[in-house]
N, C-alpha and C. Protein backbone atom coordinates (compact mmCIF):
# COMPACT_ATOMS: atom_id res chain seq x y z
N MET A 1 60.95 -45.73 6.72
CA MET A 1 61.72 -45.45 8.00
C MET A 1 62.47 -44.65 6.39
N ASP A 2 62.73 -43.16 7.15
CA ASP A 2 63.75 -42.18 5.98
C ASP A 2 65.04 -42.53 6.44
N ARG A 3 66.06 -42.80 5.57
CA ARG A 3 67.27 -42.74 5.41
C ARG A 3 67.98 -41.80 6.38
N ARG A 4 67.65 -41.19 6.09
CA ARG A 4 68.98 -39.36 6.18
C ARG A 4 68.58 -39.66 8.61
N PHE A 5 67.18 -40.12 8.44
CA PHE A 5 67.07 -39.85 9.72
C PHE A 5 67.93 -40.76 10.43
N PHE A 6 67.49 -42.31 9.60
CA PHE A 6 68.17 -43.16 10.60
C PHE A 6 69.76 -42.87 10.64
N LEU A 7 70.29 -42.52 9.78
CA LEU A 7 71.75 -42.46 9.39
C LEU A 7 71.79 -41.64 10.83
N GLN A 8 71.20 -40.86 11.10
CA GLN A 8 71.62 -40.00 12.15
C GLN A 8 71.31 -40.34 13.34
N ALA A 9 70.29 -40.79 13.53
CA ALA A 9 70.07 -42.03 14.90
C ALA A 9 71.12 -43.07 15.03
N LEU A 10 71.90 -43.46 14.07
CA LEU A 10 73.23 -44.39 14.35
C LEU A 10 73.64 -43.66 15.14
N THR A 11 74.11 -42.24 14.50
CA THR A 11 75.36 -41.92 15.58
C THR A 11 74.88 -41.57 16.94
N MET A 12 73.72 -42.11 17.31
CA MET A 12 73.50 -42.36 19.19
C MET A 12 73.67 -43.39 19.51
N LEU A 13 72.88 -44.38 18.84
CA LEU A 13 72.95 -45.78 19.00
C LEU A 13 74.05 -46.13 19.01
N GLY A 14 75.14 -46.42 18.18
CA GLY A 14 76.41 -47.27 18.09
C GLY A 14 76.37 -48.47 18.18
N GLY A 15 77.46 -49.11 17.83
CA GLY A 15 77.94 -50.21 18.29
C GLY A 15 77.58 -51.29 16.94
N SER A 16 77.41 -52.29 17.84
CA SER A 16 76.93 -53.71 17.29
C SER A 16 75.38 -53.71 17.31
N TYR A 17 74.66 -52.55 17.74
CA TYR A 17 73.49 -52.38 17.40
C TYR A 17 73.58 -51.55 15.94
N ALA A 18 75.18 -50.79 15.77
CA ALA A 18 74.33 -50.29 13.99
C ALA A 18 74.96 -50.58 13.22
N THR A 19 75.64 -51.40 13.52
CA THR A 19 75.89 -52.80 12.52
C THR A 19 74.92 -53.66 12.03
N ALA A 20 74.22 -53.62 12.94
CA ALA A 20 73.35 -54.92 12.79
C ALA A 20 71.84 -54.06 12.33
N ALA A 21 71.63 -52.26 12.94
CA ALA A 21 70.84 -52.10 11.75
C ALA A 21 70.70 -51.66 10.70
N ILE A 22 72.22 -51.28 9.84
CA ILE A 22 72.90 -50.78 8.51
C ILE A 22 72.57 -52.39 8.17
N ALA A 23 73.09 -53.35 8.28
CA ALA A 23 72.65 -54.50 7.40
C ALA A 23 71.58 -55.38 7.57
N GLY A 24 70.71 -54.79 8.41
CA GLY A 24 69.02 -55.49 8.89
C GLY A 24 68.39 -54.54 7.61
N PHE A 25 68.39 -53.50 7.67
CA PHE A 25 67.78 -52.08 6.90
C PHE A 25 67.75 -52.30 5.25
N ALA A 26 69.12 -52.56 5.15
CA ALA A 26 70.10 -52.59 3.75
C ALA A 26 69.50 -53.84 2.79
N ASP A 27 68.97 -54.95 4.01
CA ASP A 27 68.00 -55.71 2.64
C ASP A 27 66.98 -55.89 4.08
N SER A 28 65.97 -55.27 2.97
CA SER A 28 64.78 -55.42 3.49
C SER A 28 63.95 -56.67 4.13
N SER A 29 64.34 -57.74 2.70
CA SER A 29 63.58 -59.10 3.00
C SER A 29 63.95 -59.83 4.18
N GLN A 30 64.72 -59.08 5.24
CA GLN A 30 65.42 -59.70 6.51
C GLN A 30 65.18 -59.16 7.50
N ALA A 31 64.64 -57.57 7.69
CA ALA A 31 64.82 -57.06 8.69
C ALA A 31 63.37 -56.98 9.41
N ALA A 32 62.33 -57.63 8.87
CA ALA A 32 61.48 -57.95 9.79
C ALA A 32 61.74 -59.12 10.74
N ALA A 33 62.53 -60.24 9.80
CA ALA A 33 62.66 -61.70 10.42
C ALA A 33 63.76 -61.58 11.64
N LYS A 34 64.62 -60.43 12.14
CA LYS A 34 65.79 -60.11 13.07
C LYS A 34 65.42 -59.22 13.55
N PRO A 35 65.98 -59.23 15.15
CA PRO A 35 65.78 -58.48 15.70
C PRO A 35 66.93 -57.35 15.55
N LEU A 36 66.73 -55.88 15.94
CA LEU A 36 67.78 -54.65 15.62
C LEU A 36 68.79 -55.40 15.85
N ALA A 37 69.33 -55.57 17.44
CA ALA A 37 70.48 -56.11 17.70
C ALA A 37 71.14 -57.13 17.15
N ILE A 38 70.34 -57.61 16.34
CA ILE A 38 71.07 -59.14 15.77
C ILE A 38 71.50 -59.23 14.68
N GLY A 39 73.17 -59.05 13.98
CA GLY A 39 73.60 -58.69 12.70
C GLY A 39 74.57 -59.33 12.72
N PRO A 40 75.86 -59.40 11.21
CA PRO A 40 77.03 -59.35 11.00
C PRO A 40 77.58 -58.65 11.72
N SER A 41 79.03 -59.12 11.85
CA SER A 41 80.04 -58.05 12.23
C SER A 41 80.40 -57.17 10.96
N ILE A 42 81.36 -56.48 11.40
CA ILE A 42 81.82 -55.14 9.82
C ILE A 42 82.32 -56.38 8.86
N ASP A 43 83.68 -57.84 9.51
CA ASP A 43 84.23 -57.98 8.60
C ASP A 43 83.22 -59.04 7.79
N GLU A 44 81.58 -59.49 7.83
CA GLU A 44 81.15 -60.31 7.46
C GLU A 44 79.76 -59.12 6.43
N LEU A 45 80.23 -57.60 6.02
CA LEU A 45 79.05 -57.17 5.53
C LEU A 45 79.67 -57.41 4.23
N PRO A 46 78.79 -57.66 3.54
CA PRO A 46 78.95 -58.05 1.60
C PRO A 46 79.23 -56.71 0.85
N SER A 47 80.44 -56.93 0.20
CA SER A 47 80.80 -55.80 -0.44
C SER A 47 81.10 -56.36 -1.26
N ASP A 48 81.07 -55.72 -2.84
CA ASP A 48 81.81 -55.65 -3.98
C ASP A 48 82.22 -54.50 -5.10
N LEU A 49 82.17 -53.72 -4.12
CA LEU A 49 82.04 -52.24 -4.99
C LEU A 49 83.34 -51.95 -5.84
N PHE A 50 84.77 -52.31 -4.91
CA PHE A 50 85.98 -52.04 -5.10
C PHE A 50 86.56 -53.93 -5.67
N SER A 51 87.65 -53.00 -6.25
CA SER A 51 89.19 -54.22 -6.51
C SER A 51 89.80 -54.34 -5.17
N GLU A 52 90.52 -55.45 -5.66
CA GLU A 52 91.82 -55.64 -4.27
C GLU A 52 92.25 -54.37 -4.22
N GLN A 53 92.72 -53.86 -5.52
CA GLN A 53 93.90 -52.56 -5.50
C GLN A 53 93.65 -51.15 -4.82
N ASP A 54 92.09 -51.20 -4.67
CA ASP A 54 90.79 -50.54 -4.55
C ASP A 54 90.86 -50.09 -2.70
N ARG A 55 90.40 -51.79 -2.36
CA ARG A 55 91.14 -52.22 -1.32
C ARG A 55 92.09 -51.47 -0.15
N LYS A 56 93.23 -52.02 -0.96
CA LYS A 56 94.63 -51.36 -0.93
C LYS A 56 94.86 -50.33 -0.37
N GLU A 57 94.43 -49.01 -1.33
CA GLU A 57 94.50 -47.53 -1.43
C GLU A 57 93.89 -47.44 -0.36
N LEU A 58 92.04 -47.43 -0.44
CA LEU A 58 91.53 -47.22 1.08
C LEU A 58 91.83 -47.52 2.15
N SER A 59 92.00 -48.67 2.43
CA SER A 59 93.12 -49.34 3.80
C SER A 59 93.89 -48.40 4.35
N ALA A 60 94.81 -47.55 3.04
CA ALA A 60 96.05 -47.04 3.53
C ALA A 60 95.22 -45.58 3.79
N MET A 61 94.12 -45.23 3.37
CA MET A 61 94.19 -43.98 3.54
C MET A 61 93.38 -44.21 4.97
N ALA A 62 91.90 -45.02 4.92
CA ALA A 62 91.91 -45.22 6.52
C ALA A 62 92.86 -44.81 7.47
N GLU A 63 93.86 -46.24 7.68
CA GLU A 63 94.68 -45.85 8.67
C GLU A 63 95.64 -44.41 8.60
N VAL A 64 95.43 -43.69 7.85
CA VAL A 64 96.05 -42.21 8.05
C VAL A 64 95.28 -41.56 9.15
N ILE A 65 94.26 -41.74 8.92
CA ILE A 65 93.42 -40.61 9.62
C ILE A 65 93.08 -41.41 11.36
N ILE A 66 93.11 -42.91 11.22
CA ILE A 66 93.22 -43.81 12.57
C ILE A 66 94.27 -44.82 12.47
N PRO A 67 95.42 -44.34 12.59
CA PRO A 67 96.79 -45.31 12.67
C PRO A 67 96.76 -46.39 13.83
N ARG A 68 97.23 -47.54 13.56
CA ARG A 68 97.95 -48.02 14.56
C ARG A 68 98.47 -47.76 15.47
N THR A 69 98.61 -47.19 16.98
CA THR A 69 99.69 -46.81 17.79
C THR A 69 100.10 -48.06 19.26
N GLU A 70 99.87 -47.65 20.41
CA GLU A 70 99.13 -48.68 21.67
C GLU A 70 98.32 -49.32 21.24
N SER A 71 97.13 -48.11 20.82
CA SER A 71 95.74 -48.95 20.10
C SER A 71 95.65 -49.39 18.57
N PRO A 72 94.39 -49.97 18.91
CA PRO A 72 94.47 -50.29 17.37
C PRO A 72 93.79 -49.40 16.57
N GLY A 73 93.90 -49.91 15.36
CA GLY A 73 94.10 -48.21 14.12
C GLY A 73 92.93 -49.17 13.24
N ALA A 74 92.30 -48.64 11.90
CA ALA A 74 91.46 -48.45 10.99
C ALA A 74 91.77 -49.72 10.55
N ILE A 75 92.90 -50.13 9.92
CA ILE A 75 92.62 -51.40 9.44
C ILE A 75 92.35 -52.98 10.60
N ASP A 76 92.51 -52.73 11.93
CA ASP A 76 92.53 -53.64 12.66
C ASP A 76 91.19 -53.66 12.92
N ALA A 77 90.56 -52.86 12.84
CA ALA A 77 89.22 -52.58 13.34
C ALA A 77 88.13 -52.99 12.17
N GLY A 78 88.36 -53.00 11.05
CA GLY A 78 87.52 -53.44 9.79
C GLY A 78 87.43 -52.38 9.07
N VAL A 79 87.65 -51.01 9.62
CA VAL A 79 86.86 -49.87 8.97
C VAL A 79 86.72 -49.81 7.52
N PRO A 80 88.13 -50.11 6.45
CA PRO A 80 87.72 -50.53 5.11
C PRO A 80 86.74 -50.93 4.68
N ARG A 81 86.32 -52.34 5.29
CA ARG A 81 85.06 -52.97 5.10
C ARG A 81 84.30 -52.29 4.87
N PHE A 82 84.17 -51.86 6.21
CA PHE A 82 82.89 -50.95 6.69
C PHE A 82 82.73 -49.09 5.43
N ILE A 83 83.43 -49.11 5.21
CA ILE A 83 83.14 -47.98 4.36
C ILE A 83 82.59 -48.86 3.02
N GLU A 84 83.50 -49.30 2.43
CA GLU A 84 83.21 -49.91 1.11
C GLU A 84 81.46 -50.41 1.16
N TYR A 85 81.23 -50.95 2.49
CA TYR A 85 80.14 -51.55 2.24
C TYR A 85 78.75 -49.99 2.46
N MET A 86 79.31 -49.10 2.88
CA MET A 86 78.69 -48.17 3.53
C MET A 86 78.26 -46.98 1.65
N VAL A 87 79.31 -46.94 1.26
CA VAL A 87 79.46 -46.28 0.13
C VAL A 87 78.56 -46.65 -1.47
N GLN A 88 78.35 -48.45 -1.07
CA GLN A 88 77.78 -49.19 -2.09
C GLN A 88 76.26 -49.13 -1.70
N ASN A 89 76.46 -49.41 -0.40
CA ASN A 89 74.77 -49.85 -0.21
C ASN A 89 74.04 -48.63 0.33
N TRP A 90 74.53 -47.05 1.14
CA TRP A 90 74.17 -46.37 2.09
C TRP A 90 73.83 -44.90 1.23
N LEU A 91 75.10 -44.53 0.80
CA LEU A 91 75.26 -43.42 0.25
C LEU A 91 74.28 -43.44 -1.26
N ASN A 92 73.39 -42.21 -1.22
CA ASN A 92 72.80 -41.94 -2.81
C ASN A 92 73.35 -41.88 -3.72
N GLU A 93 73.37 -42.13 -4.79
CA GLU A 93 74.13 -41.81 -6.12
C GLU A 93 74.82 -40.49 -6.17
N ALA A 94 74.69 -38.92 -5.99
CA ALA A 94 75.41 -37.85 -5.81
C ALA A 94 76.18 -38.41 -5.08
N GLU A 95 76.08 -38.87 -3.68
CA GLU A 95 76.73 -38.96 -2.79
C GLU A 95 77.95 -39.93 -3.02
N GLN A 96 77.66 -41.43 -3.42
CA GLN A 96 78.48 -41.83 -4.27
C GLN A 96 79.37 -41.53 -5.06
N HIS A 97 78.68 -41.09 -6.06
CA HIS A 97 79.28 -39.82 -6.90
C HIS A 97 80.87 -39.26 -6.56
N VAL A 98 80.37 -38.21 -5.69
CA VAL A 98 81.22 -37.84 -4.82
C VAL A 98 82.64 -38.33 -4.48
N PHE A 99 82.47 -39.59 -3.63
CA PHE A 99 83.85 -40.42 -3.10
C PHE A 99 83.82 -40.94 -4.05
N LEU A 100 83.35 -41.77 -4.78
CA LEU A 100 84.38 -42.46 -5.89
C LEU A 100 85.23 -41.26 -6.59
N GLU A 101 84.40 -40.53 -7.38
CA GLU A 101 85.25 -39.47 -7.83
C GLU A 101 86.61 -38.60 -7.12
N GLY A 102 86.35 -38.62 -5.79
CA GLY A 102 87.21 -38.20 -5.18
C GLY A 102 88.33 -38.74 -4.93
N PHE A 103 87.86 -40.41 -4.46
CA PHE A 103 88.83 -41.46 -4.66
C PHE A 103 89.69 -41.74 -5.55
N ARG A 104 89.48 -41.28 -6.68
CA ARG A 104 89.75 -41.65 -8.31
C ARG A 104 90.99 -40.58 -8.26
N ALA A 105 90.34 -39.51 -7.94
CA ALA A 105 91.08 -38.29 -8.14
C ALA A 105 92.46 -38.54 -7.07
N THR A 106 92.25 -38.67 -5.92
CA THR A 106 93.32 -39.41 -5.52
C THR A 106 94.27 -40.10 -5.75
N GLN A 107 93.71 -41.00 -6.26
CA GLN A 107 94.63 -42.00 -6.91
C GLN A 107 95.47 -41.65 -7.91
N LYS A 108 94.99 -40.87 -9.18
CA LYS A 108 95.56 -40.52 -10.11
C LYS A 108 96.57 -39.19 -9.75
N HIS A 109 96.62 -38.20 -8.89
CA HIS A 109 96.95 -37.77 -8.05
C HIS A 109 98.80 -38.18 -7.58
N CYS A 110 98.35 -39.44 -6.90
CA CYS A 110 99.55 -40.18 -6.66
C CYS A 110 100.57 -40.48 -7.00
N LEU A 111 99.77 -41.20 -8.59
CA LEU A 111 100.53 -41.72 -9.75
C LEU A 111 101.07 -40.64 -10.49
N THR A 112 100.81 -39.59 -10.65
CA THR A 112 101.14 -38.47 -11.56
C THR A 112 102.16 -37.87 -11.24
N GLU A 113 102.20 -37.66 -9.67
CA GLU A 113 103.05 -36.93 -8.45
C GLU A 113 104.03 -37.63 -8.42
N PHE A 114 104.19 -38.76 -7.80
CA PHE A 114 105.06 -39.65 -7.51
C PHE A 114 105.44 -41.38 -8.36
N SER A 115 104.35 -41.03 -9.23
CA SER A 115 104.65 -42.43 -9.92
C SER A 115 104.36 -43.79 -8.82
N LYS A 116 103.77 -43.74 -7.79
CA LYS A 116 103.45 -44.31 -6.94
C LYS A 116 102.19 -44.51 -6.83
N SER A 117 101.29 -45.61 -5.91
CA SER A 117 100.00 -45.68 -5.27
C SER A 117 99.92 -44.71 -3.80
N PHE A 118 98.95 -44.31 -3.55
CA PHE A 118 99.29 -44.09 -2.13
C PHE A 118 99.54 -44.77 -1.44
N SER A 119 99.34 -46.07 -1.49
CA SER A 119 99.54 -47.45 -0.92
C SER A 119 101.35 -47.40 -0.48
N GLU A 120 101.58 -46.91 -1.58
CA GLU A 120 103.05 -47.16 -1.52
C GLU A 120 103.60 -46.34 -1.26
N LEU A 121 103.28 -44.49 -0.95
CA LEU A 121 104.11 -43.67 -0.42
C LEU A 121 104.52 -43.99 1.11
N ASN A 122 105.19 -43.22 1.64
CA ASN A 122 105.47 -42.96 3.10
C ASN A 122 104.51 -42.39 3.68
N SER A 123 104.71 -42.56 5.58
CA SER A 123 103.85 -41.89 6.11
C SER A 123 103.58 -40.58 5.95
N ASP A 124 104.43 -39.47 5.69
CA ASP A 124 104.93 -38.03 5.47
C ASP A 124 104.02 -38.04 4.09
N GLN A 125 103.87 -38.63 3.07
CA GLN A 125 103.71 -38.44 2.05
C GLN A 125 102.12 -38.51 1.85
N GLN A 126 102.07 -39.38 2.24
CA GLN A 126 100.64 -39.88 2.63
C GLN A 126 99.23 -38.76 3.40
N LEU A 127 100.04 -38.52 4.59
CA LEU A 127 99.50 -37.67 5.52
C LEU A 127 99.50 -36.18 4.65
N ALA A 128 100.38 -35.40 4.07
CA ALA A 128 100.71 -34.33 3.19
C ALA A 128 99.13 -34.52 2.75
N ILE A 129 99.27 -35.20 1.78
CA ILE A 129 98.07 -35.72 0.65
C ILE A 129 96.46 -35.49 1.36
N LEU A 130 96.01 -36.25 2.44
CA LEU A 130 94.95 -35.75 2.73
C LEU A 130 94.42 -34.88 3.52
N GLU A 131 96.25 -33.88 3.74
CA GLU A 131 95.41 -32.53 4.44
C GLU A 131 95.71 -31.86 3.17
N GLY A 132 95.74 -31.91 2.20
CA GLY A 132 95.78 -30.85 1.00
C GLY A 132 94.73 -31.19 0.58
N LEU A 133 93.75 -32.13 0.61
CA LEU A 133 92.42 -32.26 0.31
C LEU A 133 91.50 -31.81 1.20
N GLU A 134 92.04 -31.78 2.39
CA GLU A 134 91.41 -30.71 3.61
C GLU A 134 91.66 -29.56 3.52
N ASP A 135 92.46 -28.98 3.09
CA ASP A 135 92.61 -27.34 2.90
C ASP A 135 91.50 -27.56 1.76
N LYS A 136 91.51 -28.25 0.67
CA LYS A 136 90.88 -27.56 -0.26
C LYS A 136 89.53 -27.65 -0.32
N ALA A 137 88.94 -28.42 0.99
CA ALA A 137 87.77 -28.49 1.30
C ALA A 137 87.21 -28.01 2.84
N SER A 138 88.28 -26.77 3.12
CA SER A 138 87.83 -26.15 3.96
C SER A 138 86.69 -25.34 4.09
N ASP A 139 86.31 -25.27 2.95
CA ASP A 139 85.02 -23.85 2.71
C ASP A 139 83.74 -24.69 3.59
N SER A 140 84.14 -25.70 2.83
CA SER A 140 82.73 -26.68 3.40
C SER A 140 82.01 -26.78 4.81
N PRO A 141 80.64 -26.36 4.99
CA PRO A 141 79.76 -26.78 6.26
C PRO A 141 80.16 -27.73 7.19
N TRP A 142 81.01 -28.90 6.98
CA TRP A 142 81.43 -30.05 7.20
C TRP A 142 81.85 -29.20 8.27
N TYR A 143 83.11 -28.58 8.34
CA TYR A 143 83.94 -28.24 8.73
C TYR A 143 83.97 -26.84 9.99
N ASP A 144 82.17 -26.33 10.17
CA ASP A 144 82.10 -25.60 11.11
C ASP A 144 82.13 -25.74 12.21
N PHE A 145 82.73 -24.46 12.79
CA PHE A 145 83.13 -25.21 14.86
C PHE A 145 81.33 -25.59 15.36
N ALA A 146 82.04 -26.91 16.05
CA ALA A 146 80.99 -27.74 17.02
C ALA A 146 80.06 -28.14 15.58
N ASN A 147 80.28 -28.09 14.75
CA ASN A 147 79.34 -28.95 13.90
C ASN A 147 78.88 -30.51 14.24
N VAL A 148 78.28 -30.82 15.33
CA VAL A 148 78.30 -31.99 15.25
C VAL A 148 76.31 -32.55 15.17
N GLN A 149 75.58 -31.38 15.80
CA GLN A 149 74.41 -31.90 15.93
C GLN A 149 73.85 -31.23 14.36
N ARG A 150 73.53 -31.84 13.30
CA ARG A 150 73.41 -31.29 11.96
C ARG A 150 72.89 -31.78 11.16
N GLN A 151 72.29 -31.92 10.54
CA GLN A 151 71.84 -32.65 8.95
C GLN A 151 73.04 -33.61 8.57
N TYR A 152 72.71 -34.72 7.74
CA TYR A 152 73.64 -34.78 7.18
C TYR A 152 74.34 -33.90 5.82
N ILE A 153 75.51 -33.76 5.39
CA ILE A 153 76.07 -32.89 4.78
C ILE A 153 75.98 -33.53 3.22
N GLU A 154 74.74 -33.65 1.98
CA GLU A 154 75.02 -34.60 0.84
C GLU A 154 76.35 -34.11 -0.18
N ASP A 155 76.84 -32.82 0.07
CA ASP A 155 77.36 -32.52 -0.88
C ASP A 155 78.93 -32.57 -0.34
N ALA A 156 79.16 -32.89 1.00
CA ALA A 156 80.40 -33.00 1.22
C ALA A 156 81.30 -33.55 0.50
N PRO A 157 82.54 -32.62 0.42
CA PRO A 157 83.91 -33.46 -0.19
C PRO A 157 84.00 -34.92 0.15
N PHE A 158 84.84 -35.43 -0.67
CA PHE A 158 85.22 -36.44 -0.62
C PHE A 158 86.37 -36.89 0.44
N ILE A 159 87.36 -36.39 1.25
CA ILE A 159 88.03 -36.03 2.33
C ILE A 159 86.75 -35.99 3.45
N CYS A 160 86.06 -35.14 3.57
CA CYS A 160 84.85 -35.37 4.56
C CYS A 160 84.30 -36.48 4.83
N GLN A 161 83.63 -37.33 3.95
CA GLN A 161 82.96 -38.30 3.76
C GLN A 161 83.71 -39.30 4.20
N LEU A 162 84.63 -39.49 3.54
CA LEU A 162 86.15 -40.67 4.18
C LEU A 162 86.40 -40.36 5.47
N LYS A 163 86.55 -39.31 6.34
CA LYS A 163 86.74 -39.31 7.77
C LYS A 163 85.52 -39.29 8.56
N GLU A 164 84.69 -39.29 7.97
CA GLU A 164 83.03 -39.70 8.82
C GLU A 164 83.02 -40.79 9.23
N LEU A 165 83.18 -41.26 7.55
CA LEU A 165 82.98 -43.23 7.82
C LEU A 165 83.73 -43.72 8.66
N THR A 166 85.16 -43.22 8.24
CA THR A 166 86.15 -43.98 9.28
C THR A 166 86.07 -43.93 11.00
N ILE A 167 85.71 -42.53 11.09
CA ILE A 167 85.17 -42.32 12.62
C ILE A 167 84.57 -43.39 12.51
N PHE A 168 82.99 -43.02 12.34
CA PHE A 168 81.89 -43.95 12.61
C PHE A 168 82.33 -45.20 12.77
N GLY A 169 82.82 -45.83 11.48
CA GLY A 169 83.28 -47.32 11.70
C GLY A 169 84.05 -47.49 12.78
N PHE A 170 85.10 -46.75 13.27
CA PHE A 170 86.15 -47.39 13.99
C PHE A 170 85.32 -47.72 15.61
N TYR A 171 84.44 -46.38 15.34
CA TYR A 171 84.15 -45.98 17.19
C TYR A 171 82.67 -46.85 17.38
N SER A 172 82.40 -47.42 16.22
CA SER A 172 81.09 -48.47 16.82
C SER A 172 81.36 -50.42 16.52
N SER A 173 83.30 -50.14 16.25
CA SER A 173 83.90 -51.59 16.04
C SER A 173 84.29 -52.19 17.26
N GLU A 174 83.92 -53.13 17.70
CA GLU A 174 83.94 -53.79 18.95
C GLU A 174 85.65 -53.66 19.40
N LEU A 175 86.28 -52.95 18.92
CA LEU A 175 88.04 -52.67 19.06
C LEU A 175 87.78 -51.41 19.29
N GLY A 176 87.69 -50.63 18.69
CA GLY A 176 86.96 -49.44 19.06
C GLY A 176 86.78 -48.99 20.66
N ALA A 177 85.29 -49.70 20.26
CA ALA A 177 84.92 -49.59 21.64
C ALA A 177 85.71 -49.92 23.30
N LYS A 178 86.06 -51.29 22.83
CA LYS A 178 86.62 -51.54 24.26
C LYS A 178 87.68 -51.23 24.18
N GLN A 179 88.62 -51.19 23.19
CA GLN A 179 90.54 -50.96 23.64
C GLN A 179 90.94 -48.88 23.47
N VAL A 180 89.68 -48.39 22.82
CA VAL A 180 90.14 -47.04 22.82
C VAL A 180 88.89 -46.19 24.15
N LEU A 181 87.37 -46.50 24.05
CA LEU A 181 86.63 -46.05 24.15
C LEU A 181 86.30 -46.79 25.69
N ARG A 182 85.38 -46.80 26.64
CA ARG A 182 85.80 -47.46 28.08
C ARG A 182 84.34 -48.03 27.90
N HIS A 183 84.05 -49.41 27.95
CA HIS A 183 83.34 -50.08 27.58
C HIS A 183 82.48 -50.85 29.09
N ASP A 184 81.41 -50.50 29.06
CA ASP A 184 80.21 -50.96 30.36
C ASP A 184 78.82 -51.38 29.83
N PRO A 185 78.78 -53.16 29.19
CA PRO A 185 77.40 -53.43 28.57
C PRO A 185 76.51 -53.60 28.90
N MET A 186 76.02 -53.40 30.98
CA MET A 186 75.36 -53.07 31.76
C MET A 186 75.43 -52.37 32.81
N PRO A 187 75.25 -50.77 32.29
CA PRO A 187 75.67 -49.76 32.99
C PRO A 187 74.19 -49.55 34.19
N MET A 188 72.95 -49.86 33.60
CA MET A 188 71.83 -50.10 34.59
C MET A 188 71.74 -48.53 34.73
N GLN A 189 72.41 -47.15 34.57
CA GLN A 189 71.94 -45.98 35.40
C GLN A 189 72.87 -44.99 34.56
N PHE A 190 72.29 -43.79 34.22
CA PHE A 190 72.53 -42.91 33.66
C PHE A 190 73.21 -41.30 34.86
N ASP A 191 74.23 -41.50 34.97
CA ASP A 191 74.75 -40.47 35.49
C ASP A 191 75.31 -39.09 34.63
N GLY A 192 74.75 -38.08 34.53
CA GLY A 192 75.29 -36.96 33.71
C GLY A 192 76.00 -36.31 34.30
N GLU A 193 76.32 -36.39 35.63
CA GLU A 193 78.03 -35.70 36.16
C GLU A 193 78.87 -36.43 36.78
N PHE A 194 78.63 -37.68 36.24
CA PHE A 194 80.18 -38.44 36.55
C PHE A 194 81.22 -38.14 36.15
N ALA A 195 81.99 -37.35 36.95
CA ALA A 195 83.73 -36.99 36.44
C ALA A 195 84.57 -38.25 35.66
N LEU A 196 84.88 -37.28 34.77
CA LEU A 196 85.86 -38.36 33.94
C LEU A 196 87.27 -37.49 34.42
N GLY A 197 88.47 -38.47 34.39
CA GLY A 197 89.62 -37.59 35.01
C GLY A 197 90.84 -37.63 33.89
N GLU A 198 91.92 -36.63 33.94
CA GLU A 198 92.38 -36.10 32.24
C GLU A 198 92.33 -37.48 31.65
N GLU A 199 92.93 -38.49 31.91
CA GLU A 199 93.08 -39.41 31.13
C GLU A 199 92.52 -40.55 31.17
N ASP A 200 91.20 -40.22 31.48
CA ASP A 200 89.97 -41.48 30.99
C ASP A 200 89.47 -40.84 29.41
N SER A 201 89.08 -41.62 28.88
CA SER A 201 88.05 -41.72 27.42
C SER A 201 86.72 -41.85 27.72
N SER A 202 86.49 -41.68 26.73
CA SER A 202 84.50 -41.10 26.70
C SER A 202 84.16 -43.01 26.98
N TRP A 203 83.14 -42.44 27.37
CA TRP A 203 82.10 -43.64 27.10
C TRP A 203 81.88 -44.21 26.10
N SER A 204 81.49 -45.69 25.82
CA SER A 204 81.15 -46.64 24.53
C SER A 204 79.65 -46.49 24.39
N MET A 205 79.15 -46.36 23.11
CA MET A 205 77.78 -46.89 23.50
C MET A 205 77.32 -47.84 22.64
N ILE A 206 78.43 -48.54 22.15
CA ILE A 206 78.41 -50.06 21.95
C ILE A 206 77.92 -51.26 23.05
N ARG A 207 76.77 -52.09 22.69
CA ARG A 207 76.89 -53.04 23.43
C ARG A 207 77.48 -54.26 22.83
N THR A 208 78.42 -54.73 23.15
CA THR A 208 78.79 -56.31 23.12
C THR A 208 79.15 -57.18 24.38
N MET A 209 78.50 -58.99 24.10
CA MET A 209 78.46 -59.47 25.28
C MET A 209 79.51 -60.80 24.51
């Protein structure tokens, strides 16, 4: 199976199915023995790419993108572990280089500018740093208006990779599906004209039991 096609398909598949698919196809020896919809949760995905300090910094960055409010945040949903697994096992060598180089450069900037790590900065400083990365990356086609059905952008800057993995990991987690989106495990039908109220969230594609 083509990895690019599979990653794009996952954005439509979502949820526990997506996590299972990622884990299963990353280990081809187990793929044939397991149904697609059975696999480990995000917290059980094996990863050893980052040090504990790196994980602390990555967690802080993901939490800026999806912070805990009255609903769960990125850390609550296990997104940092998901990102580490994806960077280690799914990004190709060039993409991984972009991510790791950007991650290290951001850490170095924090130490140079503030004499603190990203995780030690206050929320305003953290947000300003990520917004600064976005400003520098604004010419990337990743930011093209309504750019949702597209090929995976292999040379997308670090901030784009970080946001994409954070959002995908969050909304394909159980917390994201059940507590932020709306979850109906057995809808039994598709109604393309179902009206959403002004305060209604989108339906989740995750299927959890």
